[in-house]
């Protein structure tokens, strides 16, 4: 668990949208050794959140990759939203 807390998370906002619930797309690099592309910044009914890339299976969408712990999920979400807000300025 301590290695996860020390892991660097680098986010690059790659594309911004002017309309719709998806406001931007980002790339997330974890610890300099794993990249997740097409993480979306979404405006939901409870505010902004980071959505992992997904694919449609039948009539549902399933995440292609996702954090296995609540802590890593929170850290990725916070890093993506921080990068999005910095990119706005």
N, C-alpha and C. Protein backbone atom coordinates (compact mmCIF):
# COMPACT_ATOMS: atom_id res chain seq x y z
N UNK A 1 0.82 -1.20 0.00
CA UNK A 1 0.00 0.00 0.00
C UNK A 1 0.86 1.26 0.00
N UNK A 2 1.98 1.26 0.70
CA UNK A 2 2.81 2.46 0.77
C UNK A 2 3.38 2.82 -0.60
N UNK A 3 3.70 1.82 -1.44
CA UNK A 3 4.20 2.12 -2.78
C UNK A 3 3.14 2.87 -3.58
N UNK A 4 1.88 2.52 -3.43
CA UNK A 4 0.82 3.20 -4.15
C UNK A 4 0.74 4.66 -3.73
N UNK A 5 0.89 4.93 -2.44
CA UNK A 5 0.80 6.30 -1.96
C UNK A 5 1.95 7.15 -2.47
N UNK A 6 3.09 6.53 -2.77
CA UNK A 6 4.25 7.25 -3.28
C UNK A 6 4.24 7.37 -4.79
N UNK A 7 3.38 6.63 -5.47
CA UNK A 7 3.37 6.61 -6.93
C UNK A 7 3.00 7.97 -7.50
N UNK A 8 3.80 8.41 -8.44
CA UNK A 8 3.53 9.68 -9.09
C UNK A 8 2.43 9.48 -10.15
N UNK A 9 1.50 10.43 -10.20
CA UNK A 9 0.43 10.41 -11.19
C UNK A 9 0.56 11.68 -12.01
N UNK A 10 0.85 11.52 -13.30
CA UNK A 10 1.03 12.65 -14.20
C UNK A 10 -0.14 12.67 -15.18
N UNK A 11 -0.79 13.81 -15.32
CA UNK A 11 -1.96 13.93 -16.18
C UNK A 11 -1.73 14.99 -17.24
N UNK A 12 -2.11 14.67 -18.47
CA UNK A 12 -2.07 15.64 -19.56
C UNK A 12 -3.47 15.74 -20.15
N UNK A 13 -4.01 16.94 -20.18
CA UNK A 13 -5.30 17.16 -20.83
C UNK A 13 -5.02 17.21 -22.33
N UNK A 14 -5.67 16.31 -23.07
CA UNK A 14 -5.36 16.16 -24.49
C UNK A 14 -6.37 16.85 -25.40
N UNK A 15 -7.61 16.92 -24.99
CA UNK A 15 -8.63 17.50 -25.86
C UNK A 15 -9.78 18.01 -25.00
N UNK A 16 -10.25 19.21 -25.32
CA UNK A 16 -11.38 19.80 -24.60
C UNK A 16 -12.60 19.84 -25.51
N UNK A 17 -13.79 19.63 -24.90
CA UNK A 17 -15.06 19.72 -25.63
C UNK A 17 -15.80 20.97 -25.17
N UNK A 18 -16.53 21.56 -26.09
CA UNK A 18 -17.30 22.76 -25.76
C UNK A 18 -18.75 22.45 -25.41
N UNK A 19 -19.21 21.23 -25.71
CA UNK A 19 -20.61 20.91 -25.41
C UNK A 19 -20.73 19.46 -24.98
N UNK A 20 -21.85 19.16 -24.33
CA UNK A 20 -22.10 17.79 -23.86
C UNK A 20 -21.51 17.56 -22.49
N UNK A 21 -21.81 16.42 -21.91
CA UNK A 21 -21.34 16.13 -20.55
C UNK A 21 -19.84 15.84 -20.47
N UNK A 22 -19.22 15.36 -21.56
CA UNK A 22 -17.77 15.13 -21.56
C UNK A 22 -17.09 16.44 -21.90
N UNK A 23 -16.34 16.97 -20.93
CA UNK A 23 -15.70 18.27 -21.08
C UNK A 23 -14.28 18.19 -21.63
N UNK A 24 -13.60 17.06 -21.40
CA UNK A 24 -12.22 16.92 -21.85
C UNK A 24 -11.81 15.46 -21.81
N UNK A 25 -10.70 15.17 -22.51
CA UNK A 25 -10.06 13.86 -22.47
C UNK A 25 -8.65 14.04 -21.95
N UNK A 26 -8.18 13.05 -21.18
CA UNK A 26 -6.86 13.14 -20.58
C UNK A 26 -6.11 11.82 -20.73
N UNK A 27 -4.78 11.92 -20.63
CA UNK A 27 -3.91 10.76 -20.49
C UNK A 27 -3.37 10.78 -19.07
N UNK A 28 -3.37 9.62 -18.42
CA UNK A 28 -2.89 9.50 -17.05
C UNK A 28 -1.72 8.53 -17.03
N UNK A 29 -0.56 9.00 -16.55
CA UNK A 29 0.62 8.15 -16.43
C UNK A 29 0.82 7.80 -14.97
N UNK A 30 0.92 6.51 -14.68
CA UNK A 30 1.06 6.02 -13.31
C UNK A 30 2.49 5.55 -13.08
N UNK A 31 3.17 6.23 -12.18
CA UNK A 31 4.51 5.82 -11.77
C UNK A 31 5.52 5.75 -12.88
N UNK A 32 5.29 6.45 -13.97
CA UNK A 32 6.24 6.44 -15.08
C UNK A 32 6.29 5.13 -15.84
N UNK A 33 5.32 4.22 -15.58
CA UNK A 33 5.41 2.92 -16.24
C UNK A 33 4.09 2.41 -16.84
N UNK A 34 2.99 3.15 -16.66
CA UNK A 34 1.71 2.68 -17.22
C UNK A 34 0.88 3.91 -17.57
N UNK A 35 0.32 3.93 -18.80
CA UNK A 35 -0.47 5.07 -19.25
C UNK A 35 -1.89 4.62 -19.55
N UNK A 36 -2.84 5.44 -19.12
CA UNK A 36 -4.25 5.22 -19.43
C UNK A 36 -4.68 6.40 -20.30
N UNK A 37 -5.08 6.12 -21.54
CA UNK A 37 -5.55 7.17 -22.45
C UNK A 37 -7.06 7.24 -22.42
N UNK A 38 -7.57 8.39 -22.84
CA UNK A 38 -9.01 8.63 -22.99
C UNK A 38 -9.78 8.57 -21.67
N UNK A 39 -9.15 9.02 -20.59
CA UNK A 39 -9.88 9.25 -19.35
C UNK A 39 -10.69 10.52 -19.60
N UNK A 40 -11.98 10.48 -19.32
CA UNK A 40 -12.85 11.61 -19.61
C UNK A 40 -13.12 12.44 -18.36
N UNK A 41 -13.16 13.75 -18.54
CA UNK A 41 -13.65 14.66 -17.50
C UNK A 41 -15.12 14.88 -17.81
N UNK A 42 -15.98 14.48 -16.90
CA UNK A 42 -17.42 14.48 -17.14
C UNK A 42 -18.12 15.39 -16.13
N UNK A 43 -19.10 16.14 -16.63
CA UNK A 43 -19.96 16.95 -15.75
C UNK A 43 -21.17 16.11 -15.42
N UNK A 44 -21.21 15.59 -14.20
CA UNK A 44 -22.33 14.78 -13.74
C UNK A 44 -23.30 15.60 -12.91
N UNK A 45 -24.37 14.98 -12.46
CA UNK A 45 -25.36 15.72 -11.67
C UNK A 45 -24.81 16.14 -10.31
N UNK A 46 -23.73 15.49 -9.84
CA UNK A 46 -23.09 15.86 -8.57
C UNK A 46 -21.76 16.57 -8.76
N UNK A 47 -21.50 17.05 -9.97
CA UNK A 47 -20.25 17.77 -10.25
C UNK A 47 -19.32 16.99 -11.16
N UNK A 48 -18.10 17.51 -11.28
CA UNK A 48 -17.10 16.91 -12.17
C UNK A 48 -16.55 15.60 -11.59
N UNK A 49 -16.23 14.67 -12.51
CA UNK A 49 -15.53 13.46 -12.11
C UNK A 49 -14.75 12.92 -13.30
N UNK A 50 -13.76 12.08 -13.01
CA UNK A 50 -12.96 11.43 -14.04
C UNK A 50 -13.56 10.06 -14.32
N UNK A 51 -13.83 9.77 -15.60
CA UNK A 51 -14.40 8.48 -16.00
C UNK A 51 -13.35 7.71 -16.79
N UNK A 52 -13.14 6.47 -16.40
CA UNK A 52 -12.18 5.62 -17.09
C UNK A 52 -12.69 5.27 -18.49
N UNK A 53 -11.76 4.93 -19.40
CA UNK A 53 -12.20 4.53 -20.74
C UNK A 53 -13.08 3.28 -20.66
N UNK A 54 -14.08 3.23 -21.51
CA UNK A 54 -15.01 2.10 -21.46
C UNK A 54 -15.39 1.67 -22.87
N UNK A 55 -16.04 0.52 -22.95
CA UNK A 55 -16.55 0.02 -24.23
C UNK A 55 -17.96 -0.49 -24.00
N UNK A 56 -18.73 -0.47 -25.06
CA UNK A 56 -20.11 -0.93 -24.96
C UNK A 56 -20.16 -2.43 -25.17
N UNK A 57 -20.79 -3.12 -24.23
CA UNK A 57 -20.99 -4.56 -24.31
C UNK A 57 -22.49 -4.78 -24.14
N UNK A 58 -23.14 -5.18 -25.22
CA UNK A 58 -24.59 -5.30 -25.19
C UNK A 58 -25.19 -3.92 -25.06
N UNK A 59 -26.01 -3.71 -24.05
CA UNK A 59 -26.60 -2.39 -23.84
C UNK A 59 -25.97 -1.64 -22.67
N UNK A 60 -24.83 -2.15 -22.16
CA UNK A 60 -24.14 -1.52 -21.03
C UNK A 60 -22.72 -1.13 -21.42
N UNK A 61 -22.17 -0.17 -20.69
CA UNK A 61 -20.77 0.20 -20.84
C UNK A 61 -19.98 -0.39 -19.68
N UNK A 62 -18.80 -0.94 -20.00
CA UNK A 62 -17.90 -1.49 -18.97
C UNK A 62 -16.55 -0.81 -19.09
N UNK A 63 -15.96 -0.45 -17.94
CA UNK A 63 -14.64 0.15 -17.95
C UNK A 63 -13.62 -0.84 -18.50
N UNK A 64 -12.72 -0.33 -19.33
CA UNK A 64 -11.65 -1.16 -19.89
C UNK A 64 -10.58 -1.41 -18.83
N UNK A 65 -10.28 -0.39 -18.05
CA UNK A 65 -9.34 -0.51 -16.95
C UNK A 65 -9.86 0.35 -15.81
N UNK A 66 -9.46 0.04 -14.60
CA UNK A 66 -9.97 0.76 -13.45
C UNK A 66 -9.07 0.51 -12.24
N UNK A 67 -9.03 1.47 -11.30
CA UNK A 67 -8.25 1.26 -10.08
C UNK A 67 -8.91 0.20 -9.21
N UNK A 68 -8.10 -0.59 -8.55
CA UNK A 68 -8.61 -1.68 -7.70
C UNK A 68 -8.89 -1.24 -6.27
N UNK A 69 -8.43 -0.05 -5.91
CA UNK A 69 -8.68 0.42 -4.55
C UNK A 69 -9.35 1.79 -4.58
N UNK A 70 -10.08 2.10 -3.51
CA UNK A 70 -10.74 3.41 -3.39
C UNK A 70 -9.70 4.52 -3.35
N UNK A 71 -8.58 4.26 -2.68
CA UNK A 71 -7.53 5.27 -2.56
C UNK A 71 -6.96 5.64 -3.93
N UNK A 72 -6.63 4.65 -4.75
CA UNK A 72 -6.09 4.95 -6.07
C UNK A 72 -7.15 5.61 -6.94
N UNK A 73 -8.39 5.19 -6.83
CA UNK A 73 -9.48 5.83 -7.56
C UNK A 73 -9.57 7.31 -7.20
N UNK A 74 -9.50 7.62 -5.92
CA UNK A 74 -9.56 9.01 -5.45
C UNK A 74 -8.37 9.81 -5.97
N UNK A 75 -7.17 9.23 -5.89
CA UNK A 75 -5.96 9.94 -6.33
C UNK A 75 -6.00 10.24 -7.82
N UNK A 76 -6.45 9.27 -8.64
CA UNK A 76 -6.54 9.51 -10.08
C UNK A 76 -7.59 10.58 -10.36
N UNK A 77 -8.76 10.46 -9.75
CA UNK A 77 -9.83 11.43 -9.95
C UNK A 77 -9.34 12.84 -9.58
N UNK A 78 -8.70 12.99 -8.42
CA UNK A 78 -8.22 14.29 -7.98
C UNK A 78 -7.16 14.85 -8.93
N UNK A 79 -6.24 14.00 -9.40
CA UNK A 79 -5.18 14.45 -10.30
C UNK A 79 -5.75 14.90 -11.64
N UNK A 80 -6.72 14.16 -12.17
CA UNK A 80 -7.33 14.54 -13.45
C UNK A 80 -8.08 15.86 -13.32
N UNK A 81 -8.86 16.01 -12.27
CA UNK A 81 -9.63 17.25 -12.10
C UNK A 81 -8.71 18.44 -11.85
N UNK A 82 -7.63 18.24 -11.11
CA UNK A 82 -6.67 19.32 -10.88
C UNK A 82 -6.04 19.76 -12.21
N UNK A 83 -5.63 18.80 -13.04
CA UNK A 83 -5.04 19.12 -14.34
C UNK A 83 -6.05 19.83 -15.24
N UNK A 84 -7.29 19.40 -15.19
CA UNK A 84 -8.35 20.03 -15.99
C UNK A 84 -8.53 21.50 -15.56
N UNK A 85 -8.58 21.73 -14.28
CA UNK A 85 -8.76 23.11 -13.78
C UNK A 85 -7.56 23.98 -14.10
N UNK A 86 -6.35 23.41 -14.02
CA UNK A 86 -5.14 24.18 -14.38
C UNK A 86 -5.13 24.49 -15.86
N UNK A 87 -5.61 23.58 -16.69
CA UNK A 87 -5.65 23.77 -18.13
C UNK A 87 -6.64 24.86 -18.51
N UNK A 88 -7.67 25.05 -17.69
CA UNK A 88 -8.69 26.08 -17.93
C UNK A 88 -8.09 27.49 -17.79
N UNK A 89 -7.15 27.62 -16.86
CA UNK A 89 -6.60 28.95 -16.53
C UNK A 89 -5.72 29.51 -17.63
